[in-house]
C-alpha atoms as a PDB file:
ATOM      1  CA  MET A   1     -52.950   5.311 -28.667  1.00  0.00           C
ATOM      2  CA  GLN A   2     -50.811   7.409 -30.894  1.00  0.00           C
ATOM      3  CA  PHE A   3     -47.335   6.041 -31.356  1.00  0.00           C
ATOM      4  CA  ALA A   4     -45.773   9.416 -30.572  1.00  0.00           C
ATOM      5  CA  GLU A   5     -47.584   9.631 -27.223  1.00  0.00           C
ATOM      6  CA  ALA A   6     -46.626   6.081 -26.297  1.00  0.00           C
ATOM      7  CA  GLY A   7     -43.059   6.746 -27.404  1.00  0.00           C
ATOM      8  CA  GLU A   8     -42.807   9.885 -25.294  1.00  0.00           C
ATOM      9  CA  LEU A   9     -44.196   8.158 -22.208  1.00  0.00           C
ATOM     10  CA  CYS A  10     -41.937   5.149 -22.685  1.00  0.00           C
ATOM     11  CA  GLN A  11     -38.923   7.371 -23.245  1.00  0.00           C
ATOM     12  CA  ARG A  12     -39.666   9.375 -20.082  1.00  0.00           C
ATOM     13  CA  ALA A  13     -40.178   6.190 -18.049  1.00  0.00           C
ATOM     14  CA  THR A  14     -36.966   4.686 -19.486  1.00  0.00           C
ATOM     15  CA  LEU A  15     -34.911   7.709 -18.463  1.00  0.00           C
ATOM     16  CA  GLU A  16     -36.372   7.638 -14.954  1.00  0.00           C
ATOM     17  CA  LEU A  17     -35.732   3.888 -14.630  1.00  0.00           C
ATOM     18  CA  LEU A  18     -32.127   4.323 -15.731  1.00  0.00           C
ATOM     19  CA  GLU A  19     -31.732   6.983 -13.038  1.00  0.00           C
ATOM     20  CA  LEU A  20     -33.244   4.604 -10.468  1.00  0.00           C
ATOM     21  CA  GLU A  21     -30.868   1.859 -11.533  1.00  0.00           C
ATOM     22  CA  SER A  22     -27.821   4.111 -11.390  1.00  0.00           C
ATOM     23  CA  GLY A  23     -28.608   5.591  -7.988  1.00  0.00           C
ATOM     24  CA  PRO A  24     -29.794   2.888  -5.555  1.00  0.00           C
ATOM     25  CA  GLU A  25     -27.363   4.074  -2.889  1.00  0.00           C
ATOM     26  CA  ARG A  26     -29.316   7.334  -2.607  1.00  0.00           C
ATOM     27  CA  GLY A  27     -32.116   5.672  -0.663  1.00  0.00           C
ATOM     28  CA  LEU A  28     -35.834   5.420  -1.266  1.00  0.00           C
ATOM     29  CA  GLU A  29     -36.822   8.879  -0.092  1.00  0.00           C
ATOM     30  CA  GLU A  30     -34.432  10.588  -2.454  1.00  0.00           C
ATOM     31  CA  LEU A  31     -35.558   8.297  -5.283  1.00  0.00           C
ATOM     32  CA  ARG A  32     -39.297   8.710  -4.599  1.00  0.00           C
ATOM     33  CA  PRO A  33     -39.782  11.446  -7.266  1.00  0.00           C
ATOM     34  CA  ARG A  34     -38.315   9.046  -9.844  1.00  0.00           C
ATOM     35  CA  TYR A  35     -40.672   6.273  -8.745  1.00  0.00           C
ATOM     36  CA  ASP A  36     -43.567   8.724  -8.883  1.00  0.00           C
ATOM     37  CA  ALA A  37     -42.644   9.823 -12.417  1.00  0.00           C
ATOM     38  CA  VAL A  38     -42.432   6.206 -13.625  1.00  0.00           C
ATOM     39  CA  ALA A  39     -45.754   5.399 -11.947  1.00  0.00           C
ATOM     40  CA  ARG A  40     -47.448   8.367 -13.678  1.00  0.00           C
ATOM     41  CA  CYS A  41     -46.143   7.260 -17.083  1.00  0.00           C
ATOM     42  CA  MET A  42     -47.322   3.695 -16.471  1.00  0.00           C
ATOM     43  CA  HIS A  43     -50.731   4.829 -15.286  1.00  0.00           C
ATOM     44  CA  THR A  44     -51.259   7.003 -18.366  1.00  0.00           C
ATOM     45  CA  LEU A  45     -50.070   4.249 -20.718  1.00  0.00           C
ATOM     46  CA  LYS A  46     -52.335   1.669 -19.075  1.00  0.00           C
ATOM     47  CA  GLY A  47     -55.407   3.875 -19.086  1.00  0.00           C
ATOM     48  CA  THR A  48     -55.000   4.950 -22.687  1.00  0.00           C
ATOM     49  CA  ALA A  49     -54.283   1.397 -23.866  1.00  0.00           C
ATOM     50  CA  GLY A  50     -57.303   0.070 -22.010  1.00  0.00           C
ATOM     51  CA  SER A  51     -59.640   2.716 -23.365  1.00  0.00           C
ATOM     52  CA  LEU A  52     -58.491   1.921 -26.920  1.00  0.00           C
ATOM     53  CA  GLY A  53     -58.865  -1.831 -26.480  1.00  0.00           C
ATOM     54  CA  LEU A  54     -55.140  -2.606 -26.617  1.00  0.00           C
ATOM     55  CA  GLU A  55     -55.505  -5.299 -23.967  1.00  0.00           C
ATOM     56  CA  ASP A  56     -52.031  -6.777 -24.430  1.00  0.00           C
ATOM     57  CA  VAL A  57     -50.414  -3.377 -23.863  1.00  0.00           C
ATOM     58  CA  ALA A  58     -52.665  -2.652 -20.874  1.00  0.00           C
ATOM     59  CA  GLN A  59     -51.836  -6.060 -19.366  1.00  0.00           C
ATOM     60  CA  ILE A  60     -48.088  -5.495 -19.655  1.00  0.00           C
ATOM     61  CA  VAL A  61     -48.277  -1.984 -18.226  1.00  0.00           C
ATOM     62  CA  HIS A  62     -50.539  -3.125 -15.374  1.00  0.00           C
ATOM     63  CA  ARG A  63     -47.910  -5.663 -14.293  1.00  0.00           C
ATOM     64  CA  MET A  64     -45.197  -3.034 -14.689  1.00  0.00           C
ATOM     65  CA  GLU A  65     -47.182  -0.763 -12.365  1.00  0.00           C
ATOM     66  CA  ASP A  66     -47.215  -3.577  -9.804  1.00  0.00           C
ATOM     67  CA  VAL A  67     -43.423  -3.878  -9.948  1.00  0.00           C
ATOM     68  CA  VAL A  68     -42.993  -0.117  -9.520  1.00  0.00           C
ATOM     69  CA  ALA A  69     -45.492  -0.110  -6.628  1.00  0.00           C
ATOM     70  CA  ALA A  70     -43.561  -2.918  -4.927  1.00  0.00           C
ATOM     71  CA  GLY A  71     -40.361  -0.904  -5.335  1.00  0.00           C
ATOM     72  CA  ARG A  72     -41.988   2.208  -3.906  1.00  0.00           C
ATOM     73  CA  ALA A  73     -43.410   0.315  -0.939  1.00  0.00           C
ATOM     74  CA  GLY A  74     -40.336  -1.817  -0.233  1.00  0.00           C
ATOM     75  CA  ASP A  75     -37.361  -1.280   2.004  1.00  0.00           C
ATOM     76  CA  GLU A  76     -34.907  -1.464  -0.887  1.00  0.00           C
ATOM     77  CA  PRO A  77     -34.804   0.260  -4.283  1.00  0.00           C
ATOM     78  CA  LEU A  78     -35.631  -1.853  -7.321  1.00  0.00           C
ATOM     79  CA  ASP A  79     -32.774  -4.173  -8.219  1.00  0.00           C
ATOM     80  CA  SER A  80     -31.253  -4.476 -11.663  1.00  0.00           C
ATOM     81  CA  ASP A  81     -33.407  -7.533 -12.531  1.00  0.00           C
ATOM     82  CA  ALA A  82     -36.561  -5.528 -11.845  1.00  0.00           C
ATOM     83  CA  VAL A  83     -35.318  -2.521 -13.813  1.00  0.00           C
ATOM     84  CA  ASP A  84     -34.331  -4.798 -16.718  1.00  0.00           C
ATOM     85  CA  ALA A  85     -37.789  -6.382 -16.722  1.00  0.00           C
ATOM     86  CA  LEU A  86     -39.417  -2.940 -16.686  1.00  0.00           C
ATOM     87  CA  LEU A  87     -37.219  -1.773 -19.556  1.00  0.00           C
ATOM     88  CA  GLU A  88     -38.104  -4.928 -21.489  1.00  0.00           C
ATOM     89  CA  GLY A  89     -41.757  -4.177 -20.801  1.00  0.00           C
ATOM     90  CA  LEU A  90     -41.375  -0.645 -22.139  1.00  0.00           C
ATOM     91  CA  ASP A  91     -39.688  -2.005 -25.258  1.00  0.00           C
ATOM     92  CA  GLN A  92     -42.619  -4.353 -25.746  1.00  0.00           C
ATOM     93  CA  VAL A  93     -45.142  -1.557 -25.256  1.00  0.00           C
ATOM     94  CA  VAL A  94     -43.505   0.414 -28.078  1.00  0.00           C
ATOM     95  CA  LEU A  95     -43.377  -2.647 -30.338  1.00  0.00           C
ATOM     96  CA  ARG A  96     -46.949  -3.676 -29.593  1.00  0.00           C
ATOM     97  CA  VAL A  97     -48.339  -0.182 -30.124  1.00  0.00           C
ATOM     98  CA  ARG A  98     -46.525  -0.097 -33.443  1.00  0.00           C
ATOM     99  CA  ALA A  99     -47.929  -3.559 -34.303  1.00  0.00           C
ATOM    100  CA  HIS A 100     -51.476  -2.391 -33.493  1.00  0.00           C
ATOM    101  CA  ALA A 101     -50.902   0.613 -35.734  1.00  0.00           C
ATOM    102  CA  GLY A 102     -50.010  -1.729 -38.598  1.00  0.00           C
ATOM    103  CA  GLY A 103     -46.250  -1.618 -38.284  1.00  0.00           C
ATOM    104  CA  GLY A 104     -45.642  -5.363 -37.960  1.00  0.00           C
ATOM    105  CA  VAL A 105     -44.810  -7.611 -35.042  1.00  0.00           C
ATOM    106  CA  GLU A 106     -41.033  -8.039 -35.403  1.00  0.00           C
ATOM    107  CA  GLY A 107     -39.415  -8.253 -31.990  1.00  0.00           C
ATOM    108  CA  VAL A 108     -42.654  -8.830 -30.055  1.00  0.00           C
ATOM    109  CA  VAL A 109     -42.065 -11.486 -27.393  1.00  0.00           C
ATOM    110  CA  ASP A 110     -44.434 -13.942 -25.779  1.00  0.00           C
ATOM    111  CA  LEU A 111     -46.897 -11.958 -23.679  1.00  0.00           C
ATOM    112  CA  GLU A 112     -47.349 -14.660 -21.050  1.00  0.00           C
ATOM    113  CA  ARG A 113     -43.596 -15.014 -20.397  1.00  0.00           C
ATOM    114  CA  LEU A 114     -43.192 -11.270 -19.932  1.00  0.00           C
ATOM    115  CA  VAL A 115     -46.265 -10.949 -17.706  1.00  0.00           C
ATOM    116  CA  ASP A 116     -45.128 -13.917 -15.582  1.00  0.00           C
ATOM    117  CA  ARG A 117     -41.680 -12.363 -15.182  1.00  0.00           C
ATOM    118  CA  LEU A 118     -43.183  -9.038 -14.111  1.00  0.00           C
ATOM    119  CA  GLU A 119     -45.630 -10.718 -11.726  1.00  0.00           C
ATOM    120  CA  GLY A 120     -42.769 -12.641 -10.156  1.00  0.00           C
ATOM    121  CA  LEU A 121     -40.927  -9.396  -9.457  1.00  0.00           C
ATOM    122  CA  ALA A 122     -43.969  -7.642  -8.032  1.00  0.00           C
ATOM    123  CA  LEU A 123     -45.234 -10.306  -5.657  1.00  0.00           C
ATOM    124  CA  PRO A 124     -43.931 -13.437  -3.999  1.00  0.00           C
ATOM    125  CA  ALA A 125     -44.723 -16.498  -6.118  1.00  0.00           C
ATOM    126  CA  PRO A 126     -47.791 -18.412  -4.936  1.00  0.00           C
ATOM    127  CA  ALA A 127     -47.135 -21.923  -3.668  1.00  0.00           C
ATOM    128  CA  GLY A 128     -46.774 -24.400  -6.494  1.00  0.00           C
ATOM    129  CA  ARG A 129     -46.315 -21.784  -9.211  1.00  0.00           C
ATOM    130  CA  GLU A 130     -42.992 -21.101 -10.814  1.00  0.00           C
ATOM    131  CA  VAL A 131     -41.976 -17.584 -11.745  1.00  0.00           C
ATOM    132  CA  ALA A 132     -40.615 -17.027 -15.239  1.00  0.00           C
ATOM    133  CA  ALA A 133     -36.844 -17.016 -15.191  1.00  0.00           C
ATOM    134  CA  ALA A 134     -34.771 -14.110 -16.331  1.00  0.00           C
ATOM    135  CA  PRO A 135     -33.671 -14.446 -19.948  1.00  0.00           C
ATOM    136  CA  GLU A 136     -30.442 -16.220 -20.871  1.00  0.00           C
ATOM    137  CA  ARG A 137     -27.280 -14.159 -21.535  1.00  0.00           C
ATOM    138  CA  GLU A 138     -27.802 -14.326 -25.310  1.00  0.00           C
ATOM    139  CA  GLU A 139     -31.345 -13.019 -24.920  1.00  0.00           C
ATOM    140  CA  VAL A 140     -30.072 -10.232 -22.667  1.00  0.00           C
ATOM    141  CA  ALA A 141     -27.478  -9.191 -25.264  1.00  0.00           C
ATOM    142  CA  GLU A 142     -30.172  -9.214 -27.953  1.00  0.00           C
ATOM    143  CA  SER A 143     -32.462  -7.268 -25.642  1.00  0.00           C
ATOM    144  CA  GLU A 144     -29.772  -4.680 -24.958  1.00  0.00           C
ATOM    145  CA  ALA A 145     -29.158  -4.233 -28.690  1.00  0.00           C
ATOM    146  CA  ARG A 146     -32.901  -3.981 -29.288  1.00  0.00           C
ATOM    147  CA  ARG A 147     -33.264  -1.493 -26.392  1.00  0.00           C
ATOM    148  CA  TRP A 148     -30.583   0.723 -27.948  1.00  0.00           C
ATOM    149  CA  GLU A 149     -32.346   0.505 -31.301  1.00  0.00           C
ATOM    150  CA  LEU A 150     -35.742   1.286 -29.750  1.00  0.00           C
ATOM    151  CA  ARG A 151     -34.418   4.278 -27.842  1.00  0.00           C
ATOM    152  CA  HIS A 152     -33.162   5.740 -31.095  1.00  0.00           C
ATOM    153  CA  MET A 153     -36.443   4.939 -32.864  1.00  0.00           C
ATOM    154  CA  VAL A 154     -38.372   6.571 -30.027  1.00  0.00           C
ATOM    155  CA  ASP A 155     -36.109   9.622 -30.196  1.00  0.00           C
ATOM    156  CA  GLU A 156     -36.718   9.898 -33.944  1.00  0.00           C
ATOM    157  CA  GLU A 157     -40.503   9.471 -33.545  1.00  0.00           C
ATOM    158  CA  VAL A 158     -40.651  12.071 -30.752  1.00  0.00           C
ATOM    159  CA  GLN A 159     -38.642  14.566 -32.797  1.00  0.00           C
ATOM    160  CA  SER A 160     -40.815  14.172 -35.892  1.00  0.00           C
END
């Protein structure tokens, strides 16, 4: 997967998710095109990652697709916890694609924790299994700073 392609898809999905988060009062029908756009980005990312053997990226995006599908099928728009988890997932996709391309693994988080968090948002937790908790406030602040940095990196990569 070329970094530029992944960056463009992640940037497009990020913008759509931010619109979803800022407009939950509009109702699901009005937001459906946004959900559809995010789902298309996720589907393309997952398929390309899978075909190139980037299993960690494909696994993250597959769980992100599940969260988006649950939001599309539900009675309520995605809440801010779900949008935050999806944005974290997109950040990790960018970082992991860069790591696979030889750019280092700085900022890459534990795959299992992220996948568990996404699974917990997509489906009810099975009996006896705990869902990964949302990150602590310090982690959220770090994540927000990292998200800002990644958005600017993605913008620079897309423009070049």
